[in-house]
Amino acid sequence: MITDTEIKTKGLDVLTQHLGNVEAERFIAIIQRELFDYTRWRQDMDEELSLEEISRRAMAVRSKSTEQDA
């Protein structure tokens, strides 16, 4: 089992490789500040999707969640 620090380091490496530094930081900020059920979102996500489609689906889930909370 790897440490929490190693998980965070590897996760940030993956994000920056695929999104770049600025968008990786934006992703982290979005996850931290908004109500977001990552587990539910991830269960519904198909691993073959592009990053753009993953982003669109995440925003749709977020929008639905925000509407239900209102």
N, C-alpha and C. Protein backbone atom coordinates (compact mmCIF):
# COMPACT_ATOMS: atom_id res chain seq x y z
N MET A 1 0.85 -1.17 0.00
CA MET A 1 0.00 0.00 0.00
C MET A 1 0.90 1.24 0.00
N ILE A 2 0.55 2.21 -0.83
CA ILE A 2 1.35 3.43 -0.88
C ILE A 2 0.79 4.47 0.09
N THR A 3 1.62 5.43 0.43
CA THR A 3 1.20 6.45 1.40
C THR A 3 0.26 7.46 0.78
N ASP A 4 -0.41 8.23 1.63
CA ASP A 4 -1.28 9.31 1.15
C ASP A 4 -0.49 10.32 0.34
N THR A 5 0.72 10.62 0.78
CA THR A 5 1.57 11.58 0.06
C THR A 5 1.89 11.07 -1.33
N GLU A 6 2.19 9.79 -1.46
CA GLU A 6 2.48 9.22 -2.78
C GLU A 6 1.25 9.26 -3.68
N ILE A 7 0.08 9.00 -3.12
CA ILE A 7 -1.16 9.07 -3.90
C ILE A 7 -1.38 10.49 -4.41
N LYS A 8 -1.21 11.47 -3.52
CA LYS A 8 -1.40 12.87 -3.94
C LYS A 8 -0.40 13.26 -5.02
N THR A 9 0.85 12.83 -4.86
CA THR A 9 1.88 13.16 -5.84
C THR A 9 1.57 12.54 -7.19
N LYS A 10 1.22 11.26 -7.19
CA LYS A 10 0.89 10.58 -8.45
C LYS A 10 -0.36 11.17 -9.09
N GLY A 11 -1.36 11.48 -8.27
CA GLY A 11 -2.58 12.08 -8.80
C GLY A 11 -2.32 13.42 -9.44
N LEU A 12 -1.53 14.24 -8.79
CA LEU A 12 -1.20 15.55 -9.36
C LEU A 12 -0.39 15.39 -10.64
N ASP A 13 0.51 14.41 -10.67
CA ASP A 13 1.28 14.14 -11.90
C ASP A 13 0.36 13.80 -13.07
N VAL A 14 -0.63 12.94 -12.81
CA VAL A 14 -1.57 12.54 -13.87
C VAL A 14 -2.38 13.75 -14.34
N LEU A 15 -2.89 14.52 -13.39
CA LEU A 15 -3.68 15.71 -13.76
C LEU A 15 -2.86 16.67 -14.59
N THR A 16 -1.64 16.96 -14.18
CA THR A 16 -0.83 17.94 -14.93
C THR A 16 -0.42 17.40 -16.29
N GLN A 17 -0.21 16.10 -16.41
CA GLN A 17 0.12 15.51 -17.71
C GLN A 17 -1.03 15.68 -18.70
N HIS A 18 -2.25 15.52 -18.22
CA HIS A 18 -3.41 15.54 -19.11
C HIS A 18 -4.07 16.92 -19.23
N LEU A 19 -3.96 17.73 -18.19
CA LEU A 19 -4.64 19.02 -18.20
C LEU A 19 -3.68 20.20 -18.26
N GLY A 20 -2.44 20.01 -17.90
CA GLY A 20 -1.52 21.12 -17.76
C GLY A 20 -1.62 21.68 -16.34
N ASN A 21 -0.66 22.51 -15.98
CA ASN A 21 -0.59 23.02 -14.60
C ASN A 21 -1.80 23.84 -14.20
N VAL A 22 -2.20 24.77 -15.04
CA VAL A 22 -3.29 25.68 -14.68
C VAL A 22 -4.61 24.93 -14.55
N GLU A 23 -4.95 24.11 -15.54
CA GLU A 23 -6.22 23.39 -15.49
C GLU A 23 -6.23 22.34 -14.38
N ALA A 24 -5.09 21.74 -14.07
CA ALA A 24 -5.03 20.79 -12.96
C ALA A 24 -5.35 21.49 -11.65
N GLU A 25 -4.80 22.68 -11.46
CA GLU A 25 -5.11 23.45 -10.25
C GLU A 25 -6.57 23.88 -10.22
N ARG A 26 -7.12 24.24 -11.38
CA ARG A 26 -8.54 24.59 -11.44
C ARG A 26 -9.41 23.40 -11.07
N PHE A 27 -9.05 22.20 -11.57
CA PHE A 27 -9.80 20.99 -11.25
C PHE A 27 -9.82 20.77 -9.74
N ILE A 28 -8.66 20.88 -9.11
CA ILE A 28 -8.58 20.68 -7.67
C ILE A 28 -9.43 21.71 -6.93
N ALA A 29 -9.35 22.96 -7.37
CA ALA A 29 -10.14 24.02 -6.73
C ALA A 29 -11.64 23.76 -6.87
N ILE A 30 -12.06 23.32 -8.04
CA ILE A 30 -13.47 23.02 -8.28
C ILE A 30 -13.94 21.91 -7.35
N ILE A 31 -13.17 20.85 -7.26
CA ILE A 31 -13.53 19.71 -6.41
C ILE A 31 -13.62 20.13 -4.95
N GLN A 32 -12.71 20.98 -4.52
CA GLN A 32 -12.69 21.40 -3.12
C GLN A 32 -13.83 22.34 -2.75
N ARG A 33 -14.23 23.22 -3.65
CA ARG A 33 -15.20 24.25 -3.26
C ARG A 33 -16.65 23.89 -3.53
N GLU A 34 -16.90 22.88 -4.35
CA GLU A 34 -18.27 22.57 -4.72
C GLU A 34 -18.71 21.23 -4.15
N LEU A 35 -20.01 21.12 -3.91
CA LEU A 35 -20.57 19.83 -3.52
C LEU A 35 -20.46 18.92 -4.73
N PHE A 36 -19.73 17.83 -4.58
CA PHE A 36 -19.44 16.98 -5.72
C PHE A 36 -19.26 15.56 -5.21
N ASP A 37 -20.08 14.64 -5.68
CA ASP A 37 -19.98 13.24 -5.29
C ASP A 37 -19.12 12.52 -6.31
N TYR A 38 -17.80 12.51 -6.08
CA TYR A 38 -16.86 11.92 -7.03
C TYR A 38 -17.17 10.44 -7.26
N THR A 39 -17.48 9.70 -6.20
CA THR A 39 -17.72 8.26 -6.33
C THR A 39 -18.89 8.00 -7.27
N ARG A 40 -19.98 8.72 -7.07
CA ARG A 40 -21.15 8.55 -7.94
C ARG A 40 -20.83 8.93 -9.38
N TRP A 41 -20.12 10.04 -9.56
CA TRP A 41 -19.75 10.50 -10.89
C TRP A 41 -18.85 9.48 -11.57
N ARG A 42 -17.89 8.95 -10.84
CA ARG A 42 -16.93 7.99 -11.41
C ARG A 42 -17.61 6.68 -11.78
N GLN A 43 -18.58 6.22 -11.02
CA GLN A 43 -19.28 4.98 -11.32
C GLN A 43 -20.03 5.07 -12.64
N ASP A 44 -20.48 6.26 -12.97
CA ASP A 44 -21.25 6.46 -14.20
C ASP A 44 -20.36 6.74 -15.41
N MET A 45 -19.07 6.90 -15.19
CA MET A 45 -18.18 7.34 -16.26
C MET A 45 -17.60 6.14 -17.01
N ASP A 46 -17.58 6.23 -18.30
CA ASP A 46 -16.99 5.22 -19.15
C ASP A 46 -15.51 5.55 -19.35
N GLU A 47 -14.63 4.60 -19.12
CA GLU A 47 -13.20 4.85 -19.19
C GLU A 47 -12.71 5.20 -20.60
N GLU A 48 -13.49 4.97 -21.60
CA GLU A 48 -13.07 5.24 -22.97
C GLU A 48 -13.39 6.67 -23.42
N LEU A 49 -13.94 7.48 -22.55
CA LEU A 49 -14.34 8.84 -22.93
C LEU A 49 -13.15 9.77 -23.00
N SER A 50 -13.29 10.79 -23.84
CA SER A 50 -12.26 11.83 -23.91
C SER A 50 -12.34 12.71 -22.67
N LEU A 51 -11.29 13.46 -22.41
CA LEU A 51 -11.30 14.38 -21.28
C LEU A 51 -12.43 15.40 -21.40
N GLU A 52 -12.69 15.83 -22.63
CA GLU A 52 -13.75 16.81 -22.84
C GLU A 52 -15.12 16.22 -22.47
N GLU A 53 -15.36 14.97 -22.87
CA GLU A 53 -16.64 14.34 -22.55
C GLU A 53 -16.75 14.07 -21.05
N ILE A 54 -15.66 13.66 -20.43
CA ILE A 54 -15.66 13.46 -18.98
C ILE A 54 -16.01 14.77 -18.29
N SER A 55 -15.42 15.87 -18.75
CA SER A 55 -15.70 17.18 -18.17
C SER A 55 -17.16 17.56 -18.35
N ARG A 56 -17.70 17.35 -19.55
CA ARG A 56 -19.11 17.67 -19.81
C ARG A 56 -20.03 16.87 -18.89
N ARG A 57 -19.72 15.59 -18.72
CA ARG A 57 -20.56 14.76 -17.85
C ARG A 57 -20.46 15.19 -16.39
N ALA A 58 -19.26 15.54 -15.96
CA ALA A 58 -19.08 15.99 -14.57
C ALA A 58 -19.87 17.26 -14.33
N MET A 59 -19.85 18.19 -15.29
CA MET A 59 -20.59 19.43 -15.15
C MET A 59 -22.09 19.17 -15.13
N ALA A 60 -22.56 18.18 -15.90
CA ALA A 60 -23.98 17.85 -15.92
C ALA A 60 -24.41 17.28 -14.56
N VAL A 61 -23.58 16.41 -14.00
CA VAL A 61 -23.88 15.85 -12.67
C VAL A 61 -23.91 16.97 -11.64
N ARG A 62 -22.94 17.87 -11.70
CA ARG A 62 -22.86 19.00 -10.77
C ARG A 62 -24.10 19.88 -10.90
N SER A 63 -24.50 20.16 -12.12
CA SER A 63 -25.66 21.00 -12.37
C SER A 63 -26.92 20.35 -11.79
N LYS A 64 -27.08 19.06 -12.02
CA LYS A 64 -28.25 18.33 -11.50
C LYS A 64 -28.25 18.36 -9.97
N SER A 65 -27.08 18.17 -9.38
CA SER A 65 -26.97 18.18 -7.92
C SER A 65 -27.32 19.56 -7.36
N THR A 66 -26.87 20.62 -8.03
CA THR A 66 -27.14 21.99 -7.60
C THR A 66 -28.63 22.29 -7.69
N GLU A 67 -29.29 21.82 -8.75
CA GLU A 67 -30.72 22.04 -8.92
C GLU A 67 -31.52 21.33 -7.81
N GLN A 68 -31.10 20.14 -7.43
CA GLN A 68 -31.79 19.38 -6.41
C GLN A 68 -31.63 20.03 -5.03
N ASP A 69 -30.48 20.68 -4.80
CA ASP A 69 -30.23 21.33 -3.52
C ASP A 69 -30.97 22.66 -3.37
N ALA A 70 -31.39 23.23 -4.50
CA ALA A 70 -32.04 24.54 -4.47
C ALA A 70 -33.46 24.46 -3.99
